[in-house]
Amino acid sequence: RLAMILAVLEARCGLSFSSAEVYLNIAGGYRVQDPAADMAAAAAL
């Protein structure tokens, strides 16, 4: 899901992550499976 969001940000929004390391974490050890988290992850990125 992270790879998909990065691809959409590059292809549709003109942002470049190809030369950067990307780390994403859900605080507290919680695991998210909700597809509604796409926009929140994009906002954090």
ModelCIF file with pLDDT and N, C-alpha, C, O atoms, coordinates in Angstrom:
data_MODEL
#
_entry.id   MODEL 
#
_entity.id                         1 
_entity.type                       polymer 
_entity.pdbx_number_of_molecules   1 
#
_entity_poly.entity_id                      1 
_entity_poly.type                           'polypeptide(L)' 
_entity_poly.nstd_linkage                   no 
_entity_poly.nstd_monomer                   no 
_entity_poly.pdbx_seq_one_letter_code       RLAMILAVLEARCGLSFSSAEVYLNIAGGYRVQDPAADMAAAAAL 
_entity_poly.pdbx_seq_one_letter_code_can   RLAMILAVLEARCGLSFSSAEVYLNIAGGYRVQDPAADMAAAAAL 
_entity_poly.pdbx_strand_id                 A 
#
loop_
_entity_poly_seq.entity_id 
_entity_poly_seq.num 
_entity_poly_seq.mon_id 
_entity_poly_seq.hetero 
1 1  ARG n 
1 2  LEU n 
1 3  ALA n 
1 4  MET n 
1 5  ILE n 
1 6  LEU n 
1 7  ALA n 
1 8  VAL n 
1 9  LEU n 
1 10 GLU n 
1 11 ALA n 
1 12 ARG n 
1 13 CYS n 
1 14 GLY n 
1 15 LEU n 
1 16 SER n 
1 17 PHE n 
1 18 SER n 
1 19 SER n 
1 20 ALA n 
1 21 GLU n 
1 22 VAL n 
1 23 TYR n 
1 24 LEU n 
1 25 ASN n 
1 26 ILE n 
1 27 ALA n 
1 28 GLY n 
1 29 GLY n 
1 30 TYR n 
1 31 ARG n 
1 32 VAL n 
1 33 GLN n 
1 34 ASP n 
1 35 PRO n 
1 36 ALA n 
1 37 ALA n 
1 38 ASP n 
1 39 MET n 
1 40 ALA n 
1 41 ALA n 
1 42 ALA n 
1 43 ALA n 
1 44 ALA n 
1 45 LEU n 
#
_struct_asym.id          A 
_struct_asym.entity_id   1 
#
loop_
_ma_qa_metric.id 
_ma_qa_metric.mode 
_ma_qa_metric.name 
_ma_qa_metric.software_group_id 
_ma_qa_metric.type 
1 global pLDDT . pLDDT 
2 local  pLDDT . pLDDT 
#
_ma_qa_metric_global.metric_id      1 
_ma_qa_metric_global.metric_value   91.82 
_ma_qa_metric_global.model_id       1 
_ma_qa_metric_global.ordinal_id     1 
#
loop_
_ma_qa_metric_local.label_asym_id 
_ma_qa_metric_local.label_comp_id 
_ma_qa_metric_local.label_seq_id 
_ma_qa_metric_local.metric_id 
_ma_qa_metric_local.metric_value 
_ma_qa_metric_local.model_id 
_ma_qa_metric_local.ordinal_id 
A ARG 1  2 94.00 1 1  
A LEU 2  2 95.00 1 2  
A ALA 3  2 94.00 1 3  
A MET 4  2 95.00 1 4  
A ILE 5  2 95.00 1 5  
A LEU 6  2 95.00 1 6  
A ALA 7  2 95.00 1 7  
A VAL 8  2 95.00 1 8  
A LEU 9  2 95.00 1 9  
A GLU 10 2 94.00 1 10 
A ALA 11 2 94.00 1 11 
A ARG 12 2 92.00 1 12 
A CYS 13 2 92.00 1 13 
A GLY 14 2 90.00 1 14 
A LEU 15 2 92.00 1 15 
A SER 16 2 89.00 1 16 
A PHE 17 2 91.00 1 17 
A SER 18 2 86.00 1 18 
A SER 19 2 87.00 1 19 
A ALA 20 2 91.00 1 20 
A GLU 21 2 93.00 1 21 
A VAL 22 2 96.00 1 22 
A TYR 23 2 96.00 1 23 
A LEU 24 2 96.00 1 24 
A ASN 25 2 95.00 1 25 
A ILE 26 2 92.00 1 26 
A ALA 27 2 87.00 1 27 
A GLY 28 2 78.00 1 28 
A GLY 29 2 76.00 1 29 
A TYR 30 2 81.00 1 30 
A ARG 31 2 84.00 1 31 
A VAL 32 2 89.00 1 32 
A GLN 33 2 86.00 1 33 
A ASP 34 2 89.00 1 34 
A PRO 35 2 91.00 1 35 
A ALA 36 2 93.00 1 36 
A ALA 37 2 95.00 1 37 
A ASP 38 2 95.00 1 38 
A MET 39 2 95.00 1 39 
A ALA 40 2 95.00 1 40 
A ALA 41 2 96.00 1 41 
A ALA 42 2 96.00 1 42 
A ALA 43 2 95.00 1 43 
A ALA 44 2 96.00 1 44 
A LEU 45 2 96.00 1 45 
#
loop_
_atom_site.group_PDB 
_atom_site.id 
_atom_site.type_symbol 
_atom_site.label_atom_id 
_atom_site.label_alt_id 
_atom_site.label_comp_id 
_atom_site.label_asym_id 
_atom_site.label_entity_id 
_atom_site.label_seq_id 
_atom_site.pdbx_PDB_ins_code 
_atom_site.Cartn_x 
_atom_site.Cartn_y 
_atom_site.Cartn_z 
_atom_site.occupancy 
_atom_site.B_iso_or_equiv 
_atom_site.pdbx_formal_charge 
_atom_site.auth_seq_id 
_atom_site.auth_comp_id 
_atom_site.auth_asym_id 
_atom_site.auth_atom_id 
_atom_site.pdbx_PDB_model_num 
ATOM 1   N N  . ARG A 1 1  ? 0.835  -1.198 0.000   1.00 94.00 ? 1  ARG A N  1 
ATOM 2   C CA . ARG A 1 1  ? 0.000  0.000  0.000   1.00 94.00 ? 1  ARG A CA 1 
ATOM 3   C C  . ARG A 1 1  ? 0.875  1.255  0.000   1.00 94.00 ? 1  ARG A C  1 
ATOM 4   O O  . ARG A 1 1  ? 0.546  2.238  -0.664  1.00 94.00 ? 1  ARG A O  1 
ATOM 5   N N  . LEU A 1 2  ? 1.972  1.228  0.730   1.00 95.00 ? 2  LEU A N  1 
ATOM 6   C CA . LEU A 1 2  ? 2.896  2.363  0.741   1.00 95.00 ? 2  LEU A CA 1 
ATOM 7   C C  . LEU A 1 2  ? 3.483  2.588  -0.638  1.00 95.00 ? 2  LEU A C  1 
ATOM 8   O O  . LEU A 1 2  ? 3.566  3.726  -1.098  1.00 95.00 ? 2  LEU A O  1 
ATOM 9   N N  . ALA A 1 3  ? 3.895  1.508  -1.309  1.00 94.00 ? 3  ALA A N  1 
ATOM 10  C CA . ALA A 1 3  ? 4.444  1.640  -2.658  1.00 94.00 ? 3  ALA A CA 1 
ATOM 11  C C  . ALA A 1 3  ? 3.419  2.239  -3.615  1.00 94.00 ? 3  ALA A C  1 
ATOM 12  O O  . ALA A 1 3  ? 3.776  3.026  -4.491  1.00 94.00 ? 3  ALA A O  1 
ATOM 13  N N  . MET A 1 4  ? 2.154  1.876  -3.456  1.00 95.00 ? 4  MET A N  1 
ATOM 14  C CA . MET A 1 4  ? 1.103  2.417  -4.323  1.00 95.00 ? 4  MET A CA 1 
ATOM 15  C C  . MET A 1 4  ? 0.911  3.904  -4.079  1.00 95.00 ? 4  MET A C  1 
ATOM 16  O O  . MET A 1 4  ? 0.797  4.670  -5.036  1.00 95.00 ? 4  MET A O  1 
ATOM 17  N N  . ILE A 1 5  ? 0.873  4.331  -2.822  1.00 95.00 ? 5  ILE A N  1 
ATOM 18  C CA . ILE A 1 5  ? 0.692  5.746  -2.514  1.00 95.00 ? 5  ILE A CA 1 
ATOM 19  C C  . ILE A 1 5  ? 1.863  6.562  -3.054  1.00 95.00 ? 5  ILE A C  1 
ATOM 20  O O  . ILE A 1 5  ? 1.658  7.648  -3.597  1.00 95.00 ? 5  ILE A O  1 
ATOM 21  N N  . LEU A 1 6  ? 3.090  6.053  -2.912  1.00 95.00 ? 6  LEU A N  1 
ATOM 22  C CA . LEU A 1 6  ? 4.252  6.756  -3.442  1.00 95.00 ? 6  LEU A CA 1 
ATOM 23  C C  . LEU A 1 6  ? 4.171  6.887  -4.956  1.00 95.00 ? 6  LEU A C  1 
ATOM 24  O O  . LEU A 1 6  ? 4.523  7.926  -5.515  1.00 95.00 ? 6  LEU A O  1 
ATOM 25  N N  . ALA A 1 7  ? 3.705  5.830  -5.622  1.00 95.00 ? 7  ALA A N  1 
ATOM 26  C CA . ALA A 1 7  ? 3.575  5.878  -7.081  1.00 95.00 ? 7  ALA A CA 1 
ATOM 27  C C  . ALA A 1 7  ? 2.531  6.901  -7.509  1.00 95.00 ? 7  ALA A C  1 
ATOM 28  O O  . ALA A 1 7  ? 2.747  7.637  -8.472  1.00 95.00 ? 7  ALA A O  1 
ATOM 29  N N  . VAL A 1 8  ? 1.399  6.957  -6.807  1.00 95.00 ? 8  VAL A N  1 
ATOM 30  C CA . VAL A 1 8  ? 0.362  7.936  -7.145  1.00 95.00 ? 8  VAL A CA 1 
ATOM 31  C C  . VAL A 1 8  ? 0.863  9.351  -6.897  1.00 95.00 ? 8  VAL A C  1 
ATOM 32  O O  . VAL A 1 8  ? 0.573  10.242 -7.696  1.00 95.00 ? 8  VAL A O  1 
ATOM 33  N N  . LEU A 1 9  ? 1.600  9.588  -5.825  1.00 95.00 ? 9  LEU A N  1 
ATOM 34  C CA . LEU A 1 9  ? 2.138  10.917 -5.541  1.00 95.00 ? 9  LEU A CA 1 
ATOM 35  C C  . LEU A 1 9  ? 3.126  11.358 -6.624  1.00 95.00 ? 9  LEU A C  1 
ATOM 36  O O  . LEU A 1 9  ? 3.192  12.540 -6.962  1.00 95.00 ? 9  LEU A O  1 
ATOM 37  N N  . GLU A 1 10 ? 3.881  10.421 -7.158  1.00 94.00 ? 10 GLU A N  1 
ATOM 38  C CA . GLU A 1 10 ? 4.826  10.771 -8.210  1.00 94.00 ? 10 GLU A CA 1 
ATOM 39  C C  . GLU A 1 10 ? 4.139  10.954 -9.553  1.00 94.00 ? 10 GLU A C  1 
ATOM 40  O O  . GLU A 1 10 ? 4.418  11.918 -10.266 1.00 94.00 ? 10 GLU A O  1 
ATOM 41  N N  . ALA A 1 11 ? 3.232  10.029 -9.909  1.00 94.00 ? 11 ALA A N  1 
ATOM 42  C CA . ALA A 1 11 ? 2.619  10.058 -11.240 1.00 94.00 ? 11 ALA A CA 1 
ATOM 43  C C  . ALA A 1 11 ? 1.528  11.114 -11.358 1.00 94.00 ? 11 ALA A C  1 
ATOM 44  O O  . ALA A 1 11 ? 1.389  11.729 -12.416 1.00 94.00 ? 11 ALA A O  1 
ATOM 45  N N  . ARG A 1 12 ? 0.746  11.344 -10.295 1.00 92.00 ? 12 ARG A N  1 
ATOM 46  C CA . ARG A 1 12 ? -0.413 12.235 -10.387 1.00 92.00 ? 12 ARG A CA 1 
ATOM 47  C C  . ARG A 1 12 ? -0.194 13.597 -9.739  1.00 92.00 ? 12 ARG A C  1 
ATOM 48  O O  . ARG A 1 12 ? -0.908 14.552 -10.043 1.00 92.00 ? 12 ARG A O  1 
ATOM 49  N N  . CYS A 1 13 ? 0.784  13.687 -8.851  1.00 92.00 ? 13 CYS A N  1 
ATOM 50  C CA . CYS A 1 13 ? 0.933  14.936 -8.089  1.00 92.00 ? 13 CYS A CA 1 
ATOM 51  C C  . CYS A 1 13 ? 2.271  15.635 -8.323  1.00 92.00 ? 13 CYS A C  1 
ATOM 52  O O  . CYS A 1 13 ? 2.493  16.729 -7.803  1.00 92.00 ? 13 CYS A O  1 
ATOM 53  N N  . GLY A 1 14 ? 3.158  15.025 -9.092  1.00 90.00 ? 14 GLY A N  1 
ATOM 54  C CA . GLY A 1 14 ? 4.415  15.674 -9.436  1.00 90.00 ? 14 GLY A CA 1 
ATOM 55  C C  . GLY A 1 14 ? 5.448  15.691 -8.338  1.00 90.00 ? 14 GLY A C  1 
ATOM 56  O O  . GLY A 1 14 ? 6.398  16.470 -8.415  1.00 90.00 ? 14 GLY A O  1 
ATOM 57  N N  . LEU A 1 15 ? 5.306  14.874 -7.326  1.00 92.00 ? 15 LEU A N  1 
ATOM 58  C CA . LEU A 1 15 ? 6.299  14.798 -6.259  1.00 92.00 ? 15 LEU A CA 1 
ATOM 59  C C  . LEU A 1 15 ? 7.283  13.680 -6.548  1.00 92.00 ? 15 LEU A C  1 
ATOM 60  O O  . LEU A 1 15 ? 6.909  12.656 -7.120  1.00 92.00 ? 15 LEU A O  1 
ATOM 61  N N  . SER A 1 16 ? 8.531  13.864 -6.161  1.00 89.00 ? 16 SER A N  1 
ATOM 62  C CA . SER A 1 16 ? 9.571  12.881 -6.443  1.00 89.00 ? 16 SER A CA 1 
ATOM 63  C C  . SER A 1 16 ? 10.094 12.275 -5.147  1.00 89.00 ? 16 SER A C  1 
ATOM 64  O O  . SER A 1 16 ? 10.609 12.976 -4.276  1.00 89.00 ? 16 SER A O  1 
ATOM 65  N N  . PHE A 1 17 ? 9.952  10.959 -5.043  1.00 91.00 ? 17 PHE A N  1 
ATOM 66  C CA . PHE A 1 17 ? 10.506 10.205 -3.908  1.00 91.00 ? 17 PHE A CA 1 
ATOM 67  C C  . PHE A 1 17 ? 11.571 9.209  -4.378  1.00 91.00 ? 17 PHE A C  1 
ATOM 68  O O  . PHE A 1 17 ? 12.058 8.404  -3.584  1.00 91.00 ? 17 PHE A O  1 
ATOM 69  N N  . SER A 1 18 ? 11.936 9.261  -5.662  1.00 86.00 ? 18 SER A N  1 
ATOM 70  C CA . SER A 1 18 ? 12.829 8.246  -6.218  1.00 86.00 ? 18 SER A CA 1 
ATOM 71  C C  . SER A 1 18 ? 14.231 8.325  -5.647  1.00 86.00 ? 18 SER A C  1 
ATOM 72  O O  . SER A 1 18 ? 14.936 7.316  -5.621  1.00 86.00 ? 18 SER A O  1 
ATOM 73  N N  . SER A 1 19 ? 14.657 9.493  -5.189  1.00 87.00 ? 19 SER A N  1 
ATOM 74  C CA . SER A 1 19 ? 16.011 9.641  -4.654  1.00 87.00 ? 19 SER A CA 1 
ATOM 75  C C  . SER A 1 19 ? 16.009 9.823  -3.141  1.00 87.00 ? 19 SER A C  1 
ATOM 76  O O  . SER A 1 19 ? 16.943 10.391 -2.575  1.00 87.00 ? 19 SER A O  1 
ATOM 77  N N  . ALA A 1 20 ? 14.961 9.340  -2.494  1.00 91.00 ? 20 ALA A N  1 
ATOM 78  C CA . ALA A 1 20 ? 14.858 9.518  -1.039  1.00 91.00 ? 20 ALA A CA 1 
ATOM 79  C C  . ALA A 1 20 ? 14.448 8.216  -0.382  1.00 91.00 ? 20 ALA A C  1 
ATOM 80  O O  . ALA A 1 20 ? 13.684 7.430  -0.941  1.00 91.00 ? 20 ALA A O  1 
ATOM 81  N N  . GLU A 1 21 ? 14.968 8.003  0.811   1.00 93.00 ? 21 GLU A N  1 
ATOM 82  C CA . GLU A 1 21 ? 14.514 6.888  1.628   1.00 93.00 ? 21 GLU A CA 1 
ATOM 83  C C  . GLU A 1 21 ? 13.218 7.276  2.321   1.00 93.00 ? 21 GLU A C  1 
ATOM 84  O O  . GLU A 1 21 ? 13.065 8.411  2.773   1.00 93.00 ? 21 GLU A O  1 
ATOM 85  N N  . VAL A 1 22 ? 12.281 6.329  2.406   1.00 96.00 ? 22 VAL A N  1 
ATOM 86  C CA . VAL A 1 22 ? 10.966 6.597  2.985   1.00 96.00 ? 22 VAL A CA 1 
ATOM 87  C C  . VAL A 1 22 ? 10.721 5.606  4.118   1.00 96.00 ? 22 VAL A C  1 
ATOM 88  O O  . VAL A 1 22 ? 10.851 4.395  3.940   1.00 96.00 ? 22 VAL A O  1 
ATOM 89  N N  . TYR A 1 23 ? 10.367 6.136  5.281   1.00 96.00 ? 23 TYR A N  1 
ATOM 90  C CA . TYR A 1 23 ? 10.040 5.319  6.444   1.00 96.00 ? 23 TYR A CA 1 
ATOM 91  C C  . TYR A 1 23 ? 8.643  5.713  6.921   1.00 96.00 ? 23 TYR A C  1 
ATOM 92  O O  . TYR A 1 23 ? 8.328  6.897  7.038   1.00 96.00 ? 23 TYR A O  1 
ATOM 93  N N  . LEU A 1 24 ? 7.811  4.704  7.195   1.00 96.00 ? 24 LEU A N  1 
ATOM 94  C CA . LEU A 1 24 ? 6.447  4.953  7.674   1.00 96.00 ? 24 LEU A CA 1 
ATOM 95  C C  . LEU A 1 24 ? 6.191  4.077  8.888   1.00 96.00 ? 24 LEU A C  1 
ATOM 96  O O  . LEU A 1 24 ? 6.525  2.892  8.892   1.00 96.00 ? 24 LEU A O  1 
ATOM 97  N N  . ASN A 1 25 ? 5.597  4.667  9.917   1.00 95.00 ? 25 ASN A N  1 
ATOM 98  C CA . ASN A 1 25 ? 5.371  3.937  11.170  1.00 95.00 ? 25 ASN A CA 1 
ATOM 99  C C  . ASN A 1 25 ? 4.013  4.311  11.739  1.00 95.00 ? 25 ASN A C  1 
ATOM 100 O O  . ASN A 1 25 ? 3.600  5.470  11.685  1.00 95.00 ? 25 ASN A O  1 
ATOM 101 N N  . ILE A 1 26 ? 3.314  3.303  12.295  1.00 92.00 ? 26 ILE A N  1 
ATOM 102 C CA . ILE A 1 26 ? 2.080  3.513  13.041  1.00 92.00 ? 26 ILE A CA 1 
ATOM 103 C C  . ILE A 1 26 ? 2.453  3.532  14.514  1.00 92.00 ? 26 ILE A C  1 
ATOM 104 O O  . ILE A 1 26 ? 2.942  2.534  15.043  1.00 92.00 ? 26 ILE A O  1 
ATOM 105 N N  . ALA A 1 27 ? 2.226  4.660  15.184  1.00 87.00 ? 27 ALA A N  1 
ATOM 106 C CA . ALA A 1 27 ? 2.676  4.826  16.566  1.00 87.00 ? 27 ALA A CA 1 
ATOM 107 C C  . ALA A 1 27 ? 1.970  3.854  17.498  1.00 87.00 ? 27 ALA A C  1 
ATOM 108 O O  . ALA A 1 27 ? 0.802  3.519  17.299  1.00 87.00 ? 27 ALA A O  1 
ATOM 109 N N  . GLY A 1 28 ? 2.694  3.406  18.519  1.00 78.00 ? 28 GLY A N  1 
ATOM 110 C CA . GLY A 1 28 ? 2.121  2.546  19.542  1.00 78.00 ? 28 GLY A CA 1 
ATOM 111 C C  . GLY A 1 28 ? 2.101  1.070  19.203  1.00 78.00 ? 28 GLY A C  1 
ATOM 112 O O  . GLY A 1 28 ? 1.564  0.275  19.974  1.00 78.00 ? 28 GLY A O  1 
ATOM 113 N N  . GLY A 1 29 ? 2.678  0.673  18.057  1.00 76.00 ? 29 GLY A N  1 
ATOM 114 C CA . GLY A 1 29 ? 2.656  -0.730 17.684  1.00 76.00 ? 29 GLY A CA 1 
ATOM 115 C C  . GLY A 1 29 ? 1.337  -1.197 17.113  1.00 76.00 ? 29 GLY A C  1 
ATOM 116 O O  . GLY A 1 29 ? 1.128  -2.398 16.946  1.00 76.00 ? 29 GLY A O  1 
ATOM 117 N N  . TYR A 1 30 ? 0.440  -0.268 16.810  1.00 81.00 ? 30 TYR A N  1 
ATOM 118 C CA . TYR A 1 30 ? -0.864 -0.630 16.244  1.00 81.00 ? 30 TYR A CA 1 
ATOM 119 C C  . TYR A 1 30 ? -0.684 -1.011 14.778  1.00 81.00 ? 30 TYR A C  1 
ATOM 120 O O  . TYR A 1 30 ? 0.189  -0.472 14.098  1.00 81.00 ? 30 TYR A O  1 
ATOM 121 N N  . ARG A 1 31 ? -1.511 -1.943 14.289  1.00 84.00 ? 31 ARG A N  1 
ATOM 122 C CA . ARG A 1 31 ? -1.463 -2.338 12.879  1.00 84.00 ? 31 ARG A CA 1 
ATOM 123 C C  . ARG A 1 31 ? -2.752 -1.904 12.201  1.00 84.00 ? 31 ARG A C  1 
ATOM 124 O O  . ARG A 1 31 ? -3.846 -2.258 12.641  1.00 84.00 ? 31 ARG A O  1 
ATOM 125 N N  . VAL A 1 32 ? -2.616 -1.139 11.133  1.00 89.00 ? 32 VAL A N  1 
ATOM 126 C CA . VAL A 1 32 ? -3.745 -0.587 10.407  1.00 89.00 ? 32 VAL A CA 1 
ATOM 127 C C  . VAL A 1 32 ? -3.975 -1.387 9.131   1.00 89.00 ? 32 VAL A C  1 
ATOM 128 O O  . VAL A 1 32 ? -3.049 -1.608 8.350   1.00 89.00 ? 32 VAL A O  1 
ATOM 129 N N  . GLN A 1 33 ? -5.233 -1.825 8.925   1.00 86.00 ? 33 GLN A N  1 
ATOM 130 C CA . GLN A 1 33 ? -5.622 -2.512 7.705   1.00 86.00 ? 33 GLN A CA 1 
ATOM 131 C C  . GLN A 1 33 ? -6.752 -1.779 6.984   1.00 86.00 ? 33 GLN A C  1 
ATOM 132 O O  . GLN A 1 33 ? -7.251 -2.255 5.964   1.00 86.00 ? 33 GLN A O  1 
ATOM 133 N N  . ASP A 1 34 ? -7.147 -0.650 7.499   1.00 89.00 ? 34 ASP A N  1 
ATOM 134 C CA . ASP A 1 34 ? -8.246 0.123  6.941   1.00 89.00 ? 34 ASP A CA 1 
ATOM 135 C C  . ASP A 1 34 ? -7.782 0.868  5.689   1.00 89.00 ? 34 ASP A C  1 
ATOM 136 O O  . ASP A 1 34 ? -6.803 1.611  5.761   1.00 89.00 ? 34 ASP A O  1 
ATOM 137 N N  . PRO A 1 35 ? -8.459 0.692  4.529   1.00 91.00 ? 35 PRO A N  1 
ATOM 138 C CA . PRO A 1 35 ? -8.054 1.437  3.327   1.00 91.00 ? 35 PRO A CA 1 
ATOM 139 C C  . PRO A 1 35 ? -8.220 2.942  3.455   1.00 91.00 ? 35 PRO A C  1 
ATOM 140 O O  . PRO A 1 35 ? -7.654 3.698  2.667   1.00 91.00 ? 35 PRO A O  1 
ATOM 141 N N  . ALA A 1 36 ? -8.995 3.384  4.447   1.00 93.00 ? 36 ALA A N  1 
ATOM 142 C CA . ALA A 1 36 ? -9.166 4.820  4.650   1.00 93.00 ? 36 ALA A CA 1 
ATOM 143 C C  . ALA A 1 36 ? -7.884 5.493  5.117   1.00 93.00 ? 36 ALA A C  1 
ATOM 144 O O  . ALA A 1 36 ? -7.837 6.721  5.189   1.00 93.00 ? 36 ALA A O  1 
ATOM 145 N N  . ALA A 1 37 ? -6.850 4.736  5.435   1.00 95.00 ? 37 ALA A N  1 
ATOM 146 C CA . ALA A 1 37 ? -5.588 5.319  5.896   1.00 95.00 ? 37 ALA A CA 1 
ATOM 147 C C  . ALA A 1 37 ? -4.755 5.865  4.757   1.00 95.00 ? 37 ALA A C  1 
ATOM 148 O O  . ALA A 1 37 ? -3.711 6.468  5.007   1.00 95.00 ? 37 ALA A O  1 
ATOM 149 N N  . ASP A 1 38 ? -5.179 5.677  3.499   1.00 95.00 ? 38 ASP A N  1 
ATOM 150 C CA . ASP A 1 38 ? -4.384 6.137  2.364   1.00 95.00 ? 38 ASP A CA 1 
ATOM 151 C C  . ASP A 1 38 ? -4.112 7.632  2.434   1.00 95.00 ? 38 ASP A C  1 
ATOM 152 O O  . ASP A 1 38 ? -2.973 8.072  2.277   1.00 95.00 ? 38 ASP A O  1 
ATOM 153 N N  . MET A 1 39 ? -5.162 8.408  2.671   1.00 95.00 ? 39 MET A N  1 
ATOM 154 C CA . MET A 1 39 ? -5.022 9.866  2.657   1.00 95.00 ? 39 MET A CA 1 
ATOM 155 C C  . MET A 1 39 ? -4.180 10.354 3.833   1.00 95.00 ? 39 MET A C  1 
ATOM 156 O O  . MET A 1 39 ? -3.399 11.295 3.690   1.00 95.00 ? 39 MET A O  1 
ATOM 157 N N  . ALA A 1 40 ? -4.335 9.720  4.991   1.00 95.00 ? 40 ALA A N  1 
ATOM 158 C CA . ALA A 1 40 ? -3.526 10.101 6.150   1.00 95.00 ? 40 ALA A CA 1 
ATOM 159 C C  . ALA A 1 40 ? -2.054 9.779  5.908   1.00 95.00 ? 40 ALA A C  1 
ATOM 160 O O  . ALA A 1 40 ? -1.180 10.563 6.278   1.00 95.00 ? 40 ALA A O  1 
ATOM 161 N N  . ALA A 1 41 ? -1.776 8.636  5.293   1.00 96.00 ? 41 ALA A N  1 
ATOM 162 C CA . ALA A 1 41 ? -0.391 8.291  4.971   1.00 96.00 ? 41 ALA A CA 1 
ATOM 163 C C  . ALA A 1 41 ? 0.182  9.261  3.945   1.00 96.00 ? 41 ALA A C  1 
ATOM 164 O O  . ALA A 1 41 ? 1.336  9.676  4.051   1.00 96.00 ? 41 ALA A O  1 
ATOM 165 N N  . ALA A 1 42 ? -0.628 9.620  2.954   1.00 96.00 ? 42 ALA A N  1 
ATOM 166 C CA . ALA A 1 42 ? -0.164 10.589 1.961   1.00 96.00 ? 42 ALA A CA 1 
ATOM 167 C C  . ALA A 1 42 ? 0.126  11.936 2.607   1.00 96.00 ? 42 ALA A C  1 
ATOM 168 O O  . ALA A 1 42 ? 1.103  12.595 2.250   1.00 96.00 ? 42 ALA A O  1 
ATOM 169 N N  . ALA A 1 43 ? -0.722 12.358 3.565   1.00 95.00 ? 43 ALA A N  1 
ATOM 170 C CA . ALA A 1 43 ? -0.489 13.617 4.265   1.00 95.00 ? 43 ALA A CA 1 
ATOM 171 C C  . ALA A 1 43 ? 0.816  13.585 5.038   1.00 95.00 ? 43 ALA A C  1 
ATOM 172 O O  . ALA A 1 43 ? 1.565  14.562 5.030   1.00 95.00 ? 43 ALA A O  1 
ATOM 173 N N  . ALA A 1 44 ? 1.100  12.461 5.713   1.00 96.00 ? 44 ALA A N  1 
ATOM 174 C CA . ALA A 1 44 ? 2.353  12.349 6.458   1.00 96.00 ? 44 ALA A CA 1 
ATOM 175 C C  . ALA A 1 44 ? 3.552  12.372 5.518   1.00 96.00 ? 44 ALA A C  1 
ATOM 176 O O  . ALA A 1 44 ? 4.570  12.983 5.840   1.00 96.00 ? 44 ALA A O  1 
ATOM 177 N N  . LEU A 1 45 ? 3.452  11.717 4.361   1.00 96.00 ? 45 LEU A N  1 
ATOM 178 C CA . LEU A 1 45 ? 4.560  11.691 3.411   1.00 96.00 ? 45 LEU A CA 1 
ATOM 179 C C  . LEU A 1 45 ? 4.809  13.070 2.815   1.00 96.00 ? 45 LEU A C  1 
ATOM 180 O O  . LEU A 1 45 ? 5.710  13.234 1.992   1.00 96.00 ? 45 LEU A O  1 
#
